[in-house]
Amino acid sequence: MKTTPDYKRIYTDLINEKYPEKKEEYLSMLPKENFSVLEVISFNQMLFSGCDQKAHDFNQKHRFYSKQAILEILDYQKKHKYNNMQLARHFNLSRNTVTRWKKLFLI
């Protein structure tokens, strides 16, 4: 049995604790129950864009992407006609990671 995090509840709690003044603005973006990986990444960037660089670097080193997430990111690359460098910059990845994913999942 696979369980996925309840992102709606997580983000609702985060918004209530950290950004109560912007509650209406952020909560309007959470109407659905299931979030795609790309939606989670974009919401994280929106909420935590002002955090300090040290915390950002630590969190970046400990990211995990499931096979589904990787395929969504590679599909995003095809859809937007990005090269590996543009995709890596967009999602804060290394170019080597993107190349490795393409070798593993597309070839």
PDB file of N, CA and C in Angstrom:
ATOM      1  N   MET A   1       0.845  -1.171   0.000  1.00  0.00           N
ATOM      2  CA  MET A   1       0.000   0.000   0.000  1.00  0.00           C
ATOM      3  C   MET A   1       0.895   1.239   0.000  1.00  0.00           C
ATOM      4  N   LYS A   2       0.731   2.061  -0.991  1.00  0.00           N
ATOM      5  CA  LYS A   2       1.483   3.310  -1.078  1.00  0.00           C
ATOM      6  C   LYS A   2       0.642   4.439  -0.506  1.00  0.00           C
ATOM      7  N   THR A   3       1.283   5.224   0.316  1.00  0.00           N
ATOM      8  CA  THR A   3       0.601   6.398   0.841  1.00  0.00           C
ATOM      9  C   THR A   3       1.324   7.639   0.347  1.00  0.00           C
ATOM     10  N   THR A   4       0.556   8.630   0.034  1.00  0.00           N
ATOM     11  CA  THR A   4       1.138   9.894  -0.397  1.00  0.00           C
ATOM     12  C   THR A   4       0.803  10.959   0.645  1.00  0.00           C
ATOM     13  N   PRO A   5       1.649  11.934   0.787  1.00  0.00           N
ATOM     14  CA  PRO A   5       1.374  12.994   1.761  1.00  0.00           C
ATOM     15  C   PRO A   5       0.111  13.775   1.390  1.00  0.00           C
ATOM     16  N   ASP A   6      -0.570  14.243   2.379  1.00  0.00           N
ATOM     17  CA  ASP A   6      -1.749  15.079   2.170  1.00  0.00           C
ATOM     18  C   ASP A   6      -1.273  16.525   2.013  1.00  0.00           C
ATOM     19  N   TYR A   7      -0.907  16.877   0.788  1.00  0.00           N
ATOM     20  CA  TYR A   7      -0.320  18.194   0.532  1.00  0.00           C
ATOM     21  C   TYR A   7      -1.286  19.320   0.845  1.00  0.00           C
ATOM     22  N   LYS A   8      -2.556  19.094   0.619  1.00  0.00           N
ATOM     23  CA  LYS A   8      -3.525  20.151   0.915  1.00  0.00           C
ATOM     24  C   LYS A   8      -3.493  20.498   2.403  1.00  0.00           C
ATOM     25  N   ARG A   9      -3.465  19.501   3.232  1.00  0.00           N
ATOM     26  CA  ARG A   9      -3.425  19.732   4.679  1.00  0.00           C
ATOM     27  C   ARG A   9      -2.094  20.346   5.105  1.00  0.00           C
ATOM     28  N   ILE A  10      -1.008  19.854   4.538  1.00  0.00           N
ATOM     29  CA  ILE A  10       0.318  20.375   4.878  1.00  0.00           C
ATOM     30  C   ILE A  10       0.407  21.854   4.534  1.00  0.00           C
ATOM     31  N   TYR A  11       0.031  22.193   3.310  1.00  0.00           N
ATOM     32  CA  TYR A  11       0.139  23.589   2.884  1.00  0.00           C
ATOM     33  C   TYR A  11      -0.857  24.487   3.602  1.00  0.00           C
ATOM     34  N   THR A  12      -2.022  23.975   3.917  1.00  0.00           N
ATOM     35  CA  THR A  12      -2.991  24.765   4.674  1.00  0.00           C
ATOM     36  C   THR A  12      -2.432  25.103   6.058  1.00  0.00           C
ATOM     37  N   ASP A  13      -1.834  24.121   6.712  1.00  0.00           N
ATOM     38  CA  ASP A  13      -1.225  24.372   8.022  1.00  0.00           C
ATOM     39  C   ASP A  13      -0.064  25.352   7.921  1.00  0.00           C
ATOM     40  N   LEU A  14       0.787  25.191   6.898  1.00  0.00           N
ATOM     41  CA  LEU A  14       1.906  26.115   6.713  1.00  0.00           C
ATOM     42  C   LEU A  14       1.431  27.546   6.508  1.00  0.00           C
ATOM     43  N   ILE A  15       0.419  27.695   5.690  1.00  0.00           N
ATOM     44  CA  ILE A  15      -0.116  29.032   5.402  1.00  0.00           C
ATOM     45  C   ILE A  15      -0.710  29.634   6.668  1.00  0.00           C
ATOM     46  N   ASN A  16      -1.464  28.841   7.427  1.00  0.00           N
ATOM     47  CA  ASN A  16      -2.077  29.356   8.657  1.00  0.00           C
ATOM     48  C   ASN A  16      -1.025  29.785   9.671  1.00  0.00           C
ATOM     49  N   GLU A  17       0.097  29.060   9.745  1.00  0.00           N
ATOM     50  CA  GLU A  17       1.136  29.393  10.711  1.00  0.00           C
ATOM     51  C   GLU A  17       2.035  30.532  10.257  1.00  0.00           C
ATOM     52  N   LYS A  18       2.507  30.468   9.009  1.00  0.00           N
ATOM     53  CA  LYS A  18       3.536  31.412   8.561  1.00  0.00           C
ATOM     54  C   LYS A  18       2.994  32.649   7.861  1.00  0.00           C
ATOM     55  N   TYR A  19       1.906  32.497   7.123  1.00  0.00           N
ATOM     56  CA  TYR A  19       1.402  33.609   6.318  1.00  0.00           C
ATOM     57  C   TYR A  19      -0.097  33.836   6.535  1.00  0.00           C
ATOM     58  N   PRO A  20      -0.532  34.107   7.752  1.00  0.00           N
ATOM     59  CA  PRO A  20      -1.980  34.300   7.973  1.00  0.00           C
ATOM     60  C   PRO A  20      -2.538  35.519   7.229  1.00  0.00           C
ATOM     61  N   GLU A  21      -1.693  36.523   6.974  1.00  0.00           N
ATOM     62  CA  GLU A  21      -2.171  37.712   6.270  1.00  0.00           C
ATOM     63  C   GLU A  21      -2.429  37.436   4.785  1.00  0.00           C
ATOM     64  N   LYS A  22      -1.802  36.404   4.233  1.00  0.00           N
ATOM     65  CA  LYS A  22      -1.996  36.068   2.827  1.00  0.00           C
ATOM     66  C   LYS A  22      -2.827  34.798   2.661  1.00  0.00           C
ATOM     67  N   LYS A  23      -3.566  34.463   3.685  1.00  0.00           N
ATOM     68  CA  LYS A  23      -4.311  33.210   3.717  1.00  0.00           C
ATOM     69  C   LYS A  23      -5.266  33.062   2.537  1.00  0.00           C
ATOM     70  N   GLU A  24      -6.041  34.085   2.246  1.00  0.00           N
ATOM     71  CA  GLU A  24      -7.021  34.002   1.160  1.00  0.00           C
ATOM     72  C   GLU A  24      -6.353  33.823  -0.193  1.00  0.00           C
ATOM     73  N   GLU A  25      -5.248  34.513  -0.390  1.00  0.00           N
ATOM     74  CA  GLU A  25      -4.520  34.424  -1.662  1.00  0.00           C
ATOM     75  C   GLU A  25      -3.982  33.018  -1.897  1.00  0.00           C
ATOM     76  N   TYR A  26      -3.357  32.427  -0.886  1.00  0.00           N
ATOM     77  CA  TYR A  26      -2.748  31.107  -1.035  1.00  0.00           C
ATOM     78  C   TYR A  26      -3.775  29.987  -1.036  1.00  0.00           C
ATOM     79  N   LEU A  27      -4.783  30.090  -0.189  1.00  0.00           N
ATOM     80  CA  LEU A  27      -5.762  29.014  -0.094  1.00  0.00           C
ATOM     81  C   LEU A  27      -6.602  28.875  -1.363  1.00  0.00           C
ATOM     82  N   SER A  28      -6.688  29.935  -2.148  1.00  0.00           N
ATOM     83  CA  SER A  28      -7.428  29.826  -3.406  1.00  0.00           C
ATOM     84  C   SER A  28      -6.702  28.925  -4.402  1.00  0.00           C
ATOM     85  N   MET A  29      -5.422  28.652  -4.151  1.00  0.00           N
ATOM     86  CA  MET A  29      -4.633  27.792  -5.030  1.00  0.00           C
ATOM     87  C   MET A  29      -4.696  26.326  -4.620  1.00  0.00           C
ATOM     88  N   LEU A  30      -5.415  26.008  -3.561  1.00  0.00           N
ATOM     89  CA  LEU A  30      -5.462  24.650  -3.042  1.00  0.00           C
ATOM     90  C   LEU A  30      -6.831  23.977  -3.166  1.00  0.00           C
ATOM     91  N   PRO A  31      -7.550  24.126  -4.249  1.00  0.00           N
ATOM     92  CA  PRO A  31      -8.886  23.538  -4.288  1.00  0.00           C
ATOM     93  C   PRO A  31      -8.907  22.023  -4.500  1.00  0.00           C
ATOM     94  N   LYS A  32      -7.858  21.461  -5.077  1.00  0.00           N
ATOM     95  CA  LYS A  32      -7.894  20.046  -5.412  1.00  0.00           C
ATOM     96  C   LYS A  32      -7.272  19.190  -4.320  1.00  0.00           C
ATOM     97  N   GLU A  33      -7.608  17.917  -4.328  1.00  0.00           N
ATOM     98  CA  GLU A  33      -7.134  16.990  -3.313  1.00  0.00           C
ATOM     99  C   GLU A  33      -5.769  16.402  -3.663  1.00  0.00           C
ATOM    100  N   ASN A  34      -5.556  16.063  -4.921  1.00  0.00           N
ATOM    101  CA  ASN A  34      -4.304  15.438  -5.346  1.00  0.00           C
ATOM    102  C   ASN A  34      -3.465  16.420  -6.145  1.00  0.00           C
ATOM    103  N   PHE A  35      -2.201  16.524  -5.779  1.00  0.00           N
ATOM    104  CA  PHE A  35      -1.295  17.451  -6.440  1.00  0.00           C
ATOM    105  C   PHE A  35      -0.283  16.675  -7.267  1.00  0.00           C
ATOM    106  N   SER A  36       0.045  17.213  -8.422  1.00  0.00           N
ATOM    107  CA  SER A  36       1.126  16.621  -9.203  1.00  0.00           C
ATOM    108  C   SER A  36       2.447  17.101  -8.624  1.00  0.00           C
ATOM    109  N   VAL A  37       3.496  16.455  -9.024  1.00  0.00           N
ATOM    110  CA  VAL A  37       4.826  16.806  -8.522  1.00  0.00           C
ATOM    111  C   VAL A  37       5.187  18.225  -8.919  1.00  0.00           C
ATOM    112  N   LEU A  38       4.840  18.611 -10.125  1.00  0.00           N
ATOM    113  CA  LEU A  38       5.160  19.961 -10.595  1.00  0.00           C
ATOM    114  C   LEU A  38       4.420  21.017  -9.791  1.00  0.00           C
ATOM    115  N   GLU A  39       3.185  20.718  -9.403  1.00  0.00           N
ATOM    116  CA  GLU A  39       2.429  21.664  -8.579  1.00  0.00           C
ATOM    117  C   GLU A  39       3.038  21.812  -7.194  1.00  0.00           C
ATOM    118  N   VAL A  40       3.518  20.717  -6.631  1.00  0.00           N
ATOM    119  CA  VAL A  40       4.160  20.759  -5.316  1.00  0.00           C
ATOM    120  C   VAL A  40       5.437  21.583  -5.383  1.00  0.00           C
ATOM    121  N   ILE A  41       6.233  21.373  -6.428  1.00  0.00           N
ATOM    122  CA  ILE A  41       7.483  22.117  -6.580  1.00  0.00           C
ATOM    123  C   ILE A  41       7.203  23.606  -6.733  1.00  0.00           C
ATOM    124  N   SER A  42       6.233  23.958  -7.560  1.00  0.00           N
ATOM    125  CA  SER A  42       5.944  25.373  -7.774  1.00  0.00           C
ATOM    126  C   SER A  42       5.372  26.023  -6.508  1.00  0.00           C
ATOM    127  N   PHE A  43       4.558  25.290  -5.773  1.00  0.00           N
ATOM    128  CA  PHE A  43       4.004  25.842  -4.540  1.00  0.00           C
ATOM    129  C   PHE A  43       5.096  26.034  -3.498  1.00  0.00           C
ATOM    130  N   ASN A  44       6.037  25.099  -3.420  1.00  0.00           N
ATOM    131  CA  ASN A  44       7.168  25.255  -2.502  1.00  0.00           C
ATOM    132  C   ASN A  44       7.990  26.480  -2.862  1.00  0.00           C
ATOM    133  N   GLN A  45       8.243  26.674  -4.143  1.00  0.00           N
ATOM    134  CA  GLN A  45       9.019  27.839  -4.565  1.00  0.00           C
ATOM    135  C   GLN A  45       8.302  29.129  -4.204  1.00  0.00           C
ATOM    136  N   MET A  46       7.003  29.130  -4.340  1.00  0.00           N
ATOM    137  CA  MET A  46       6.232  30.326  -4.032  1.00  0.00           C
ATOM    138  C   MET A  46       6.256  30.616  -2.521  1.00  0.00           C
ATOM    139  N   LEU A  47       6.082  29.590  -1.711  1.00  0.00           N
ATOM    140  CA  LEU A  47       6.041  29.790  -0.265  1.00  0.00           C
ATOM    141  C   LEU A  47       7.402  30.078   0.340  1.00  0.00           C
ATOM    142  N   PHE A  48       8.435  29.402  -0.141  1.00  0.00           N
ATOM    143  CA  PHE A  48       9.732  29.476   0.511  1.00  0.00           C
ATOM    144  C   PHE A  48      10.778  30.208  -0.315  1.00  0.00           C
ATOM    145  N   SER A  49      10.361  31.099  -1.174  1.00  0.00           N
ATOM    146  CA  SER A  49      11.310  31.824  -2.016  1.00  0.00           C
ATOM    147  C   SER A  49      12.189  32.771  -1.201  1.00  0.00           C
ATOM    148  N   GLY A  50      11.751  33.181  -0.033  1.00  0.00           N
ATOM    149  CA  GLY A  50      12.522  34.132   0.767  1.00  0.00           C
ATOM    150  C   GLY A  50      13.368  33.494   1.852  1.00  0.00           C
ATOM    151  N   CYS A  51      13.488  32.158   1.869  1.00  0.00           N
ATOM    152  CA  CYS A  51      14.261  31.533   2.941  1.00  0.00           C
ATOM    153  C   CYS A  51      15.752  31.729   2.714  1.00  0.00           C
ATOM    154  N   ASP A  52      16.527  31.549   3.765  1.00  0.00           N
ATOM    155  CA  ASP A  52      17.963  31.805   3.666  1.00  0.00           C
ATOM    156  C   ASP A  52      18.667  30.754   2.795  1.00  0.00           C
ATOM    157  N   GLN A  53      19.808  31.115   2.289  1.00  0.00           N
ATOM    158  CA  GLN A  53      20.536  30.289   1.324  1.00  0.00           C
ATOM    159  C   GLN A  53      21.040  28.998   1.963  1.00  0.00           C
ATOM    160  N   LYS A  54      21.432  29.035   3.206  1.00  0.00           N
ATOM    161  CA  LYS A  54      21.958  27.841   3.863  1.00  0.00           C
ATOM    162  C   LYS A  54      20.884  26.762   3.981  1.00  0.00           C
ATOM    163  N   ALA A  55      19.694  27.147   4.368  1.00  0.00           N
ATOM    164  CA  ALA A  55      18.587  26.191   4.466  1.00  0.00           C
ATOM    165  C   ALA A  55      18.211  25.662   3.087  1.00  0.00           C
ATOM    166  N   HIS A  56      18.222  26.526   2.095  1.00  0.00           N
ATOM    167  CA  HIS A  56      17.907  26.115   0.731  1.00  0.00           C
ATOM    168  C   HIS A  56      18.912  25.083   0.230  1.00  0.00           C
ATOM    169  N   ASP A  57      20.191  25.326   0.467  1.00  0.00           N
ATOM    170  CA  ASP A  57      21.233  24.385   0.033  1.00  0.00           C
ATOM    171  C   ASP A  57      21.077  23.031   0.717  1.00  0.00           C
ATOM    172  N   PHE A  58      20.785  23.044   2.013  1.00  0.00           N
ATOM    173  CA  PHE A  58      20.588  21.792   2.744  1.00  0.00           C
ATOM    174  C   PHE A  58      19.406  21.019   2.182  1.00  0.00           C
ATOM    175  N   ASN A  59      18.290  21.697   1.964  1.00  0.00           N
ATOM    176  CA  ASN A  59      17.095  21.037   1.443  1.00  0.00           C
ATOM    177  C   ASN A  59      17.308  20.517   0.032  1.00  0.00           C
ATOM    178  N   GLN A  60      18.063  21.232  -0.758  1.00  0.00           N
ATOM    179  CA  GLN A  60      18.316  20.829  -2.134  1.00  0.00           C
ATOM    180  C   GLN A  60      19.097  19.510  -2.188  1.00  0.00           C
ATOM    181  N   LYS A  61      19.997  19.319  -1.242  1.00  0.00           N
ATOM    182  CA  LYS A  61      20.804  18.098  -1.222  1.00  0.00           C
ATOM    183  C   LYS A  61      19.989  16.877  -0.835  1.00  0.00           C
ATOM    184  N   HIS A  62      18.855  17.056  -0.199  1.00  0.00           N
ATOM    185  CA  HIS A  62      18.076  15.942   0.323  1.00  0.00           C
ATOM    186  C   HIS A  62      16.746  15.745  -0.405  1.00  0.00           C
ATOM    187  N   ARG A  63      16.685  16.154  -1.639  1.00  0.00           N
ATOM    188  CA  ARG A  63      15.463  15.945  -2.405  1.00  0.00           C
ATOM    189  C   ARG A  63      15.418  14.530  -2.939  1.00  0.00           C
ATOM    190  N   PHE A  64      14.224  14.017  -3.095  1.00  0.00           N
ATOM    191  CA  PHE A  64      14.011  12.701  -3.662  1.00  0.00           C
ATOM    192  C   PHE A  64      12.941  12.823  -4.728  1.00  0.00           C
ATOM    193  N   TYR A  65      13.180  12.226  -5.878  1.00  0.00           N
ATOM    194  CA  TYR A  65      12.216  12.251  -6.967  1.00  0.00           C
ATOM    195  C   TYR A  65      11.823  10.827  -7.301  1.00  0.00           C
ATOM    196  N   SER A  66      10.536  10.553  -7.318  1.00  0.00           N
ATOM    197  CA  SER A  66      10.049   9.235  -7.699  1.00  0.00           C
ATOM    198  C   SER A  66      10.119   9.109  -9.219  1.00  0.00           C
ATOM    199  N   LYS A  67       9.912   7.916  -9.687  1.00  0.00           N
ATOM    200  CA  LYS A  67       9.948   7.681 -11.137  1.00  0.00           C
ATOM    201  C   LYS A  67       8.879   8.534 -11.825  1.00  0.00           C
ATOM    202  N   GLN A  68       7.710   8.608 -11.237  1.00  0.00           N
ATOM    203  CA  GLN A  68       6.627   9.415 -11.802  1.00  0.00           C
ATOM    204  C   GLN A  68       7.022  10.886 -11.868  1.00  0.00           C
ATOM    205  N   ALA A  69       7.673  11.378 -10.825  1.00  0.00           N
ATOM    206  CA  ALA A  69       8.101  12.774 -10.790  1.00  0.00           C
ATOM    207  C   ALA A  69       9.138  13.045 -11.873  1.00  0.00           C
ATOM    208  N   ILE A  70      10.077  12.127 -12.019  1.00  0.00           N
ATOM    209  CA  ILE A  70      11.112  12.290 -13.040  1.00  0.00           C
ATOM    210  C   ILE A  70      10.495  12.318 -14.426  1.00  0.00           C
ATOM    211  N   LEU A  71       9.553  11.423 -14.675  1.00  0.00           N
ATOM    212  CA  LEU A  71       8.906  11.393 -15.989  1.00  0.00           C
ATOM    213  C   LEU A  71       8.097  12.664 -16.244  1.00  0.00           C
ATOM    214  N   GLU A  72       7.472  13.210 -15.201  1.00  0.00           N
ATOM    215  CA  GLU A  72       6.747  14.475 -15.357  1.00  0.00           C
ATOM    216  C   GLU A  72       7.704  15.621 -15.688  1.00  0.00           C
ATOM    217  N   ILE A  73       8.854  15.636 -15.035  1.00  0.00           N
ATOM    218  CA  ILE A  73       9.833  16.685 -15.296  1.00  0.00           C
ATOM    219  C   ILE A  73      10.379  16.562 -16.710  1.00  0.00           C
ATOM    220  N   LEU A  74      10.660  15.341 -17.153  1.00  0.00           N
ATOM    221  CA  LEU A  74      11.149  15.141 -18.523  1.00  0.00           C
ATOM    222  C   LEU A  74      10.065  15.469 -19.556  1.00  0.00           C
ATOM    223  N   ASP A  75       8.815  15.201 -19.207  1.00  0.00           N
ATOM    224  CA  ASP A  75       7.714  15.578 -20.086  1.00  0.00           C
ATOM    225  C   ASP A  75       7.582  17.099 -20.154  1.00  0.00           C
ATOM    226  N   TYR A  76       7.814  17.768 -19.036  1.00  0.00           N
ATOM    227  CA  TYR A  76       7.802  19.230 -18.994  1.00  0.00           C
ATOM    228  C   TYR A  76       8.871  19.779 -19.936  1.00  0.00           C
ATOM    229  N   GLN A  77      10.014  19.107 -19.972  1.00  0.00           N
ATOM    230  CA  GLN A  77      11.099  19.529 -20.856  1.00  0.00           C
ATOM    231  C   GLN A  77      10.668  19.444 -22.318  1.00  0.00           C
ATOM    232  N   LYS A  78      10.026  18.345 -22.680  1.00  0.00           N
ATOM    233  CA  LYS A  78       9.562  18.196 -24.067  1.00  0.00           C
ATOM    234  C   LYS A  78       8.487  19.224 -24.405  1.00  0.00           C
ATOM    235  N   LYS A  79       7.560  19.411 -23.490  1.00  0.00           N
ATOM    236  CA  LYS A  79       6.437  20.322 -23.707  1.00  0.00           C
ATOM    237  C   LYS A  79       6.902  21.761 -23.923  1.00  0.00           C
ATOM    238  N   HIS A  80       7.904  22.188 -23.142  1.00  0.00           N
ATOM    239  CA  HIS A  80       8.385  23.563 -23.227  1.00  0.00           C
ATOM    240  C   HIS A  80       9.632  23.723 -24.097  1.00  0.00           C
ATOM    241  N   LYS A  81      10.066  22.599 -24.697  1.00  0.00           N
ATOM    242  CA  LYS A  81      11.219  22.594 -25.604  1.00  0.00           C
ATOM    243  C   LYS A  81      12.469  23.170 -24.936  1.00  0.00           C
ATOM    244  N   TYR A  82      12.711  22.710 -23.710  1.00  0.00           N
ATOM    245  CA  TYR A  82      13.895  23.120 -22.973  1.00  0.00           C
ATOM    246  C   TYR A  82      15.046  22.172 -23.278  1.00  0.00           C
ATOM    247  N   ASN A  83      16.261  22.701 -23.282  1.00  0.00           N
ATOM    248  CA  ASN A  83      17.409  21.815 -23.315  1.00  0.00           C
ATOM    249  C   ASN A  83      17.726  21.423 -21.866  1.00  0.00           C
ATOM    250  N   ASN A  84      18.728  20.561 -21.678  1.00  0.00           N
ATOM    251  CA  ASN A  84      19.020  20.064 -20.327  1.00  0.00           C
ATOM    252  C   ASN A  84      19.408  21.184 -19.371  1.00  0.00           C
ATOM    253  N   MET A  85      20.152  22.151 -19.856  1.00  0.00           N
ATOM    254  CA  MET A  85      20.592  23.241 -18.988  1.00  0.00           C
ATOM    255  C   MET A  85      19.401  24.098 -18.543  1.00  0.00           C
ATOM    256  N   GLN A  86      18.486  24.396 -19.448  1.00  0.00           N
ATOM    257  CA  GLN A  86      17.324  25.201 -19.093  1.00  0.00           C
ATOM    258  C   GLN A  86      16.429  24.471 -18.100  1.00  0.00           C
ATOM    259  N   LEU A  87      16.246  23.172 -18.316  1.00  0.00           N
ATOM    260  CA  LEU A  87      15.427  22.385 -17.402  1.00  0.00           C
ATOM    261  C   LEU A  87      16.071  22.315 -16.020  1.00  0.00           C
ATOM    262  N   ALA A  88      17.372  22.093 -15.993  1.00  0.00           N
ATOM    263  CA  ALA A  88      18.086  22.023 -14.721  1.00  0.00           C
ATOM    264  C   ALA A  88      17.974  23.341 -13.959  1.00  0.00           C
ATOM    265  N   ARG A  89      18.096  24.433 -14.646  1.00  0.00           N
ATOM    266  CA  ARG A  89      18.001  25.745 -14.001  1.00  0.00           C
ATOM    267  C   ARG A  89      16.580  25.987 -13.487  1.00  0.00           C
ATOM    268  N   HIS A  90      15.588  25.567 -14.268  1.00  0.00           N
ATOM    269  CA  HIS A  90      14.191  25.784 -13.889  1.00  0.00           C
ATOM    270  C   HIS A  90      13.831  25.026 -12.603  1.00  0.00           C
ATOM    271  N   PHE A  91      14.320  23.782 -12.470  1.00  0.00           N
ATOM    272  CA  PHE A  91      13.975  22.952 -11.319  1.00  0.00           C
ATOM    273  C   PHE A  91      15.086  22.860 -10.277  1.00  0.00           C
ATOM    274  N   ASN A  92      16.131  23.683 -10.395  1.00  0.00           N
ATOM    275  CA  ASN A  92      17.269  23.670  -9.465  1.00  0.00           C
ATOM    276  C   ASN A  92      17.900  22.286  -9.374  1.00  0.00           C
ATOM    277  N   LEU A  93      18.203  21.722 -10.520  1.00  0.00           N
ATOM    278  CA  LEU A  93      18.870  20.428 -10.611  1.00  0.00           C
ATOM    279  C   LEU A  93      20.228  20.632 -11.249  1.00  0.00           C
ATOM    280  N   SER A  94      21.024  19.585 -11.278  1.00  0.00           N
ATOM    281  CA  SER A  94      22.266  19.675 -12.032  1.00  0.00           C
ATOM    282  C   SER A  94      22.025  19.124 -13.439  1.00  0.00           C
ATOM    283  N   ARG A  95      22.832  19.574 -14.375  1.00  0.00           N
ATOM    284  CA  ARG A  95      22.692  19.084 -15.746  1.00  0.00           C
ATOM    285  C   ARG A  95      22.989  17.592 -15.801  1.00  0.00           C
ATOM    286  N   ASN A  96      23.918  17.145 -14.967  1.00  0.00           N
ATOM    287  CA  ASN A  96      24.253  15.720 -14.941  1.00  0.00           C
ATOM    288  C   ASN A  96      23.071  14.877 -14.486  1.00  0.00           C
ATOM    289  N   THR A  97      22.297  15.386 -13.550  1.00  0.00           N
ATOM    290  CA  THR A  97      21.117  14.669 -13.081  1.00  0.00           C
ATOM    291  C   THR A  97      20.106  14.516 -14.206  1.00  0.00           C
ATOM    292  N   VAL A  98      19.874  15.581 -14.946  1.00  0.00           N
ATOM    293  CA  VAL A  98      18.925  15.522 -16.055  1.00  0.00           C
ATOM    294  C   VAL A  98      19.404  14.527 -17.105  1.00  0.00           C
ATOM    295  N   THR A  99      20.678  14.554 -17.428  1.00  0.00           N
ATOM    296  CA  THR A  99      21.234  13.634 -18.413  1.00  0.00           C
ATOM    297  C   THR A  99      21.102  12.190 -17.939  1.00  0.00           C
ATOM    298  N   ARG A 100      21.395  11.951 -16.666  1.00  0.00           N
ATOM    299  CA  ARG A 100      21.275  10.598 -16.112  1.00  0.00           C
ATOM    300  C   ARG A 100      19.830  10.116 -16.159  1.00  0.00           C
ATOM    301  N   TRP A 101      18.885  10.983 -15.815  1.00  0.00           N
ATOM    302  CA  TRP A 101      17.477  10.612 -15.877  1.00  0.00           C
ATOM    303  C   TRP A 101      17.063  10.257 -17.303  1.00  0.00           C
ATOM    304  N   LYS A 102      17.526  11.024 -18.258  1.00  0.00           N
ATOM    305  CA  LYS A 102      17.171  10.740 -19.648  1.00  0.00           C
ATOM    306  C   LYS A 102      17.723   9.392 -20.085  1.00  0.00           C
ATOM    307  N   LYS A 103      18.941   9.064 -19.661  1.00  0.00           N
ATOM    308  CA  LYS A 103      19.530   7.766 -20.010  1.00  0.00           C
ATOM    309  C   LYS A 103      18.762   6.638 -19.357  1.00  0.00           C
ATOM    310  N   LEU A 104      18.356   6.824 -18.107  1.00  0.00           N
ATOM    311  CA  LEU A 104      17.663   5.768 -17.378  1.00  0.00           C
ATOM    312  C   LEU A 104      16.229   5.535 -17.860  1.00  0.00           C
ATOM    313  N   PHE A 105      15.523   6.625 -18.160  1.00  0.00           N
ATOM    314  CA  PHE A 105      14.088   6.500 -18.396  1.00  0.00           C
ATOM    315  C   PHE A 105      13.634   6.711 -19.832  1.00  0.00           C
ATOM    316  N   LEU A 106      14.450   7.301 -20.663  1.00  0.00           N
ATOM    317  CA  LEU A 106      14.009   7.583 -22.025  1.00  0.00           C
ATOM    318  C   LEU A 106      14.732   6.765 -23.088  1.00  0.00           C
ATOM    319  N   ILE A 107      15.898   6.282 -22.776  1.00  0.00           N
ATOM    320  CA  ILE A 107      16.663   5.551 -23.792  1.00  0.00           C
ATOM    321  C   ILE A 107      16.580   4.072 -23.541  1.00  0.00           C
TER     322      ILE A 107
END
